[in-house]
Amino acid sequence: MTGFYLTINYREAYNMHASSGILFNHESPRRGFEFVTRKITSTISRMKAGQTNVFVIRNLESKSD
């Protein structure tokens, strides 16, 4: 919260463009299986249940912005 108010202070005091944001990951059971964190957790659950003993992550070179 301090960063939010510091941004406002600098924007108003120095008449400059300044933006702030609160960024965090949205992890939930409803998240799609195309996300790596969901793939990992679902595979671990299946391993624990004895449904599989194989864990595969295909493209470790992919990038996102």
N, C-alpha and C. Protein backbone atom coordinates (compact mmCIF):
# COMPACT_ATOMS: atom_id res chain seq x y z
N MET A 1 0.82 -1.19 0.00
CA MET A 1 0.00 0.00 0.00
C MET A 1 0.86 1.25 0.00
N THR A 2 2.03 1.18 0.62
CA THR A 2 2.92 2.33 0.67
C THR A 2 3.36 2.74 -0.73
N GLY A 3 3.67 1.76 -1.57
CA GLY A 3 4.08 2.06 -2.94
C GLY A 3 3.01 2.81 -3.71
N PHE A 4 1.75 2.46 -3.46
CA PHE A 4 0.63 3.13 -4.12
C PHE A 4 0.62 4.62 -3.77
N TYR A 5 0.76 4.93 -2.48
CA TYR A 5 0.72 6.32 -2.05
C TYR A 5 2.00 7.09 -2.44
N LEU A 6 3.13 6.40 -2.47
CA LEU A 6 4.35 7.05 -2.95
C LEU A 6 4.23 7.43 -4.42
N THR A 7 3.60 6.58 -5.19
CA THR A 7 3.40 6.88 -6.61
C THR A 7 2.53 8.11 -6.78
N ILE A 8 1.46 8.20 -6.02
CA ILE A 8 0.59 9.38 -6.07
C ILE A 8 1.39 10.62 -5.67
N ASN A 9 2.18 10.52 -4.63
CA ASN A 9 2.97 11.64 -4.14
C ASN A 9 3.93 12.15 -5.21
N TYR A 10 4.68 11.26 -5.86
CA TYR A 10 5.61 11.66 -6.90
C TYR A 10 4.88 12.24 -8.10
N ARG A 11 3.77 11.62 -8.47
CA ARG A 11 3.00 12.10 -9.62
C ARG A 11 2.55 13.53 -9.40
N GLU A 12 2.04 13.82 -8.21
CA GLU A 12 1.52 15.16 -7.91
C GLU A 12 2.63 16.16 -7.60
N ALA A 13 3.67 15.74 -6.89
CA ALA A 13 4.73 16.67 -6.48
C ALA A 13 5.63 17.07 -7.64
N TYR A 14 5.93 16.12 -8.54
CA TYR A 14 6.87 16.40 -9.62
C TYR A 14 6.20 16.47 -10.99
N ASN A 15 4.87 16.44 -11.02
CA ASN A 15 4.09 16.54 -12.26
C ASN A 15 4.63 15.57 -13.32
N MET A 16 4.77 14.32 -12.92
CA MET A 16 5.29 13.31 -13.82
C MET A 16 4.30 12.16 -13.97
N HIS A 17 4.42 11.44 -15.07
CA HIS A 17 3.58 10.25 -15.25
C HIS A 17 4.13 9.14 -14.37
N ALA A 18 3.29 8.60 -13.54
CA ALA A 18 3.68 7.48 -12.68
C ALA A 18 2.47 6.58 -12.49
N SER A 19 2.68 5.29 -12.58
CA SER A 19 1.61 4.32 -12.41
C SER A 19 2.04 3.25 -11.42
N SER A 20 1.09 2.66 -10.78
CA SER A 20 1.38 1.55 -9.87
C SER A 20 0.34 0.46 -10.09
N GLY A 21 0.69 -0.72 -9.68
CA GLY A 21 -0.24 -1.83 -9.81
C GLY A 21 0.04 -2.88 -8.76
N ILE A 22 -0.97 -3.65 -8.46
CA ILE A 22 -0.82 -4.77 -7.54
C ILE A 22 -0.86 -6.03 -8.40
N LEU A 23 0.26 -6.72 -8.49
CA LEU A 23 0.38 -7.88 -9.37
C LEU A 23 0.55 -9.15 -8.54
N PHE A 24 -0.17 -10.17 -8.90
CA PHE A 24 -0.04 -11.45 -8.23
C PHE A 24 -0.59 -12.53 -9.14
N ASN A 25 -0.16 -13.75 -8.93
CA ASN A 25 -0.65 -14.88 -9.71
C ASN A 25 -2.03 -15.28 -9.24
N HIS A 26 -2.83 -15.69 -10.17
CA HIS A 26 -4.17 -16.19 -9.85
C HIS A 26 -4.13 -17.71 -9.97
N GLU A 27 -3.94 -18.36 -8.87
CA GLU A 27 -3.91 -19.82 -8.86
C GLU A 27 -5.19 -20.33 -8.22
N SER A 28 -5.84 -21.24 -8.90
CA SER A 28 -7.04 -21.85 -8.35
C SER A 28 -7.29 -23.17 -9.05
N PRO A 29 -8.13 -24.02 -8.48
CA PRO A 29 -8.46 -25.29 -9.13
C PRO A 29 -9.17 -25.10 -10.46
N ARG A 30 -9.75 -23.93 -10.70
CA ARG A 30 -10.47 -23.68 -11.95
C ARG A 30 -9.55 -23.21 -13.08
N ARG A 31 -8.27 -23.00 -12.78
CA ARG A 31 -7.33 -22.55 -13.80
C ARG A 31 -7.11 -23.67 -14.81
N GLY A 32 -6.95 -23.31 -16.08
CA GLY A 32 -6.83 -24.29 -17.16
C GLY A 32 -5.57 -25.13 -17.09
N PHE A 33 -5.61 -26.31 -17.69
CA PHE A 33 -4.48 -27.24 -17.67
C PHE A 33 -3.36 -26.80 -18.62
N GLU A 34 -3.57 -25.74 -19.39
CA GLU A 34 -2.50 -25.25 -20.26
C GLU A 34 -1.45 -24.45 -19.48
N PHE A 35 -1.72 -24.14 -18.22
CA PHE A 35 -0.77 -23.42 -17.37
C PHE A 35 0.11 -24.43 -16.64
N VAL A 36 1.41 -24.13 -16.59
CA VAL A 36 2.36 -25.10 -16.05
C VAL A 36 2.08 -25.42 -14.58
N THR A 37 1.69 -24.44 -13.79
CA THR A 37 1.43 -24.72 -12.37
C THR A 37 0.27 -25.69 -12.22
N ARG A 38 -0.73 -25.57 -13.07
CA ARG A 38 -1.88 -26.48 -13.01
C ARG A 38 -1.48 -27.89 -13.46
N LYS A 39 -0.61 -27.97 -14.48
CA LYS A 39 -0.12 -29.27 -14.94
C LYS A 39 0.64 -29.97 -13.82
N ILE A 40 1.49 -29.22 -13.15
CA ILE A 40 2.30 -29.80 -12.08
C ILE A 40 1.41 -30.32 -10.95
N THR A 41 0.49 -29.51 -10.47
CA THR A 41 -0.34 -29.92 -9.34
C THR A 41 -1.26 -31.08 -9.69
N SER A 42 -1.81 -31.08 -10.91
CA SER A 42 -2.70 -32.18 -11.28
C SER A 42 -1.91 -33.48 -11.46
N THR A 43 -0.70 -33.39 -12.01
CA THR A 43 0.12 -34.60 -12.18
C THR A 43 0.55 -35.16 -10.83
N ILE A 44 0.92 -34.29 -9.91
CA ILE A 44 1.28 -34.75 -8.56
C ILE A 44 0.09 -35.43 -7.89
N SER A 45 -1.10 -34.89 -8.06
CA SER A 45 -2.30 -35.51 -7.49
C SER A 45 -2.55 -36.88 -8.09
N ARG A 46 -2.38 -37.00 -9.41
CA ARG A 46 -2.57 -38.31 -10.06
C ARG A 46 -1.50 -39.29 -9.64
N MET A 47 -0.28 -38.81 -9.42
CA MET A 47 0.80 -39.69 -8.94
C MET A 47 0.48 -40.22 -7.55
N LYS A 48 0.01 -39.33 -6.70
CA LYS A 48 -0.32 -39.73 -5.33
C LYS A 48 -1.47 -40.75 -5.32
N ALA A 49 -2.40 -40.61 -6.26
CA ALA A 49 -3.53 -41.54 -6.35
C ALA A 49 -3.16 -42.83 -7.06
N GLY A 50 -1.92 -42.93 -7.55
CA GLY A 50 -1.48 -44.14 -8.22
C GLY A 50 -1.95 -44.25 -9.66
N GLN A 51 -2.42 -43.18 -10.26
CA GLN A 51 -2.93 -43.22 -11.62
C GLN A 51 -1.83 -43.06 -12.67
N THR A 52 -0.70 -42.51 -12.28
CA THR A 52 0.42 -42.35 -13.21
C THR A 52 1.72 -42.30 -12.43
N ASN A 53 2.81 -42.59 -13.11
CA ASN A 53 4.12 -42.41 -12.51
C ASN A 53 5.03 -41.64 -13.46
N VAL A 54 4.42 -40.97 -14.45
CA VAL A 54 5.15 -40.22 -15.46
C VAL A 54 4.81 -38.75 -15.34
N PHE A 55 5.85 -37.94 -15.38
CA PHE A 55 5.66 -36.49 -15.33
C PHE A 55 6.39 -35.87 -16.52
N VAL A 56 5.66 -35.20 -17.42
CA VAL A 56 6.24 -34.65 -18.63
C VAL A 56 5.88 -33.17 -18.74
N ILE A 57 6.90 -32.35 -18.92
CA ILE A 57 6.68 -30.95 -19.29
C ILE A 57 7.33 -30.79 -20.65
N ARG A 58 6.57 -30.37 -21.62
CA ARG A 58 7.04 -30.41 -23.01
C ARG A 58 8.03 -29.31 -23.37
N ASN A 59 7.63 -28.07 -23.39
CA ASN A 59 8.48 -27.01 -23.92
C ASN A 59 9.00 -26.13 -22.80
N LEU A 60 10.22 -26.37 -22.38
CA LEU A 60 10.82 -25.56 -21.32
C LEU A 60 11.37 -24.25 -21.84
N GLU A 61 11.37 -24.05 -23.14
CA GLU A 61 11.90 -22.82 -23.76
C GLU A 61 10.81 -21.79 -24.05
N SER A 62 9.55 -22.10 -23.76
CA SER A 62 8.48 -21.16 -24.08
C SER A 62 8.58 -19.93 -23.18
N LYS A 63 8.12 -18.80 -23.70
CA LYS A 63 8.18 -17.53 -22.98
C LYS A 63 6.83 -16.87 -23.02
N SER A 64 6.57 -16.06 -22.02
CA SER A 64 5.32 -15.32 -21.94
C SER A 64 5.62 -13.92 -21.44
N ASP A 65 4.77 -13.00 -21.78
CA ASP A 65 4.98 -11.65 -21.27
C ASP A 65 3.90 -11.28 -20.29
